[in-house]
């Protein structure tokens, strides 16, 4: 969604987080969806760069499904 709505308006490539912020600021998405995206971003960062945390099997499976959906939408 970020690519479809924002890249066509600008030649500059943007990162996903910046794009999501722009979508919220232009009222394309609401605050609830923006908050969910921020939580997902934090969760993925923790999973990618763990410290003293444990990721449950259920949470890992959820993230695999989210990634698979995102990859399908790209194709």
Protein backbone atom coordinates (compact mmCIF):
# COMPACT_ATOMS: atom_id res chain seq x y z
CA UNK A 1 0.00 0.00 0.00
CA UNK A 2 2.81 2.41 0.84
CA UNK A 3 4.41 1.85 -2.55
CA UNK A 4 1.16 2.28 -4.47
CA UNK A 5 0.13 5.49 -2.71
CA UNK A 6 3.41 7.20 -1.95
CA UNK A 7 6.13 6.24 -4.41
CA UNK A 8 4.18 7.57 -7.35
CA UNK A 9 4.10 10.99 -5.64
CA UNK A 10 7.83 11.08 -5.00
CA UNK A 11 10.94 9.89 -6.77
CA UNK A 12 12.60 9.30 -3.41
CA UNK A 13 12.41 5.74 -2.11
CA UNK A 14 11.03 5.57 1.40
CA UNK A 15 11.35 3.02 4.16
CA UNK A 16 8.25 1.18 5.29
CA UNK A 17 8.04 2.87 8.69
CA UNK A 18 8.25 6.33 7.10
CA UNK A 19 5.59 5.32 4.56
CA UNK A 20 3.25 4.10 7.27
CA UNK A 21 3.70 7.38 9.14
CA UNK A 22 2.90 9.28 5.94
CA UNK A 23 -0.24 7.17 5.41
CA UNK A 24 -1.42 8.03 8.92
CA UNK A 25 -0.60 11.71 8.53
CA UNK A 26 -2.62 11.89 5.32
CA UNK A 27 -5.51 9.97 6.97
CA UNK A 28 -5.22 6.97 4.61
CA UNK A 29 -4.95 4.73 7.68
CA UNK A 30 -6.30 5.41 11.15
CA UNK A 31 -4.40 5.64 14.44
CA UNK A 32 -5.42 2.12 15.43
CA UNK A 33 -3.80 0.57 12.35
CA UNK A 34 -0.76 2.81 12.76
CA UNK A 35 -0.36 1.68 16.39
CA UNK A 36 -0.65 -1.96 15.34
CA UNK A 37 2.07 -1.44 12.70
CA UNK A 38 4.37 0.12 15.31
CA UNK A 39 3.86 -2.85 17.63
CA UNK A 40 4.54 -5.27 14.79
CA UNK A 41 7.69 -3.33 13.87
CA UNK A 42 8.96 -3.52 17.46
CA UNK A 43 8.15 -7.23 17.68
CA UNK A 44 10.01 -7.98 14.45
CA UNK A 45 13.02 -5.98 15.64
CA UNK A 46 13.09 -7.97 18.87
CA UNK A 47 12.88 -11.22 16.95
CA UNK A 48 15.64 -10.16 14.55
CA UNK A 49 17.93 -8.84 17.31
CA UNK A 50 17.08 -10.80 20.46
CA UNK A 51 18.63 -9.98 23.78
CA UNK A 52 17.26 -11.74 26.84
CA UNK A 53 13.86 -12.53 25.41
CA UNK A 54 12.07 -15.63 24.30
CA UNK A 55 9.72 -15.76 21.32
CA UNK A 56 6.98 -18.35 21.68
CA UNK A 57 6.35 -20.91 18.97
CA UNK A 58 2.89 -19.37 18.38
CA UNK A 59 4.36 -15.90 17.92
CA UNK A 60 7.00 -17.24 15.52
CA UNK A 61 4.33 -19.04 13.48
CA UNK A 62 2.25 -15.84 13.37
CA UNK A 63 5.24 -13.90 12.01
CA UNK A 64 5.83 -16.57 9.35
CA UNK A 65 2.23 -16.16 8.20
CA UNK A 66 2.55 -12.36 8.09
CA UNK A 67 5.74 -12.63 6.04
CA UNK A 68 4.20 -15.18 3.67
CA UNK A 69 1.21 -12.89 3.04
CA UNK A 70 3.48 -9.93 2.37
CA UNK A 71 5.53 -11.97 -0.10
CA UNK A 72 2.39 -13.17 -1.90
CA UNK A 73 1.15 -9.60 -2.25
CA UNK A 74 4.48 -8.54 -3.77
CA UNK A 75 4.20 -11.13 -6.55
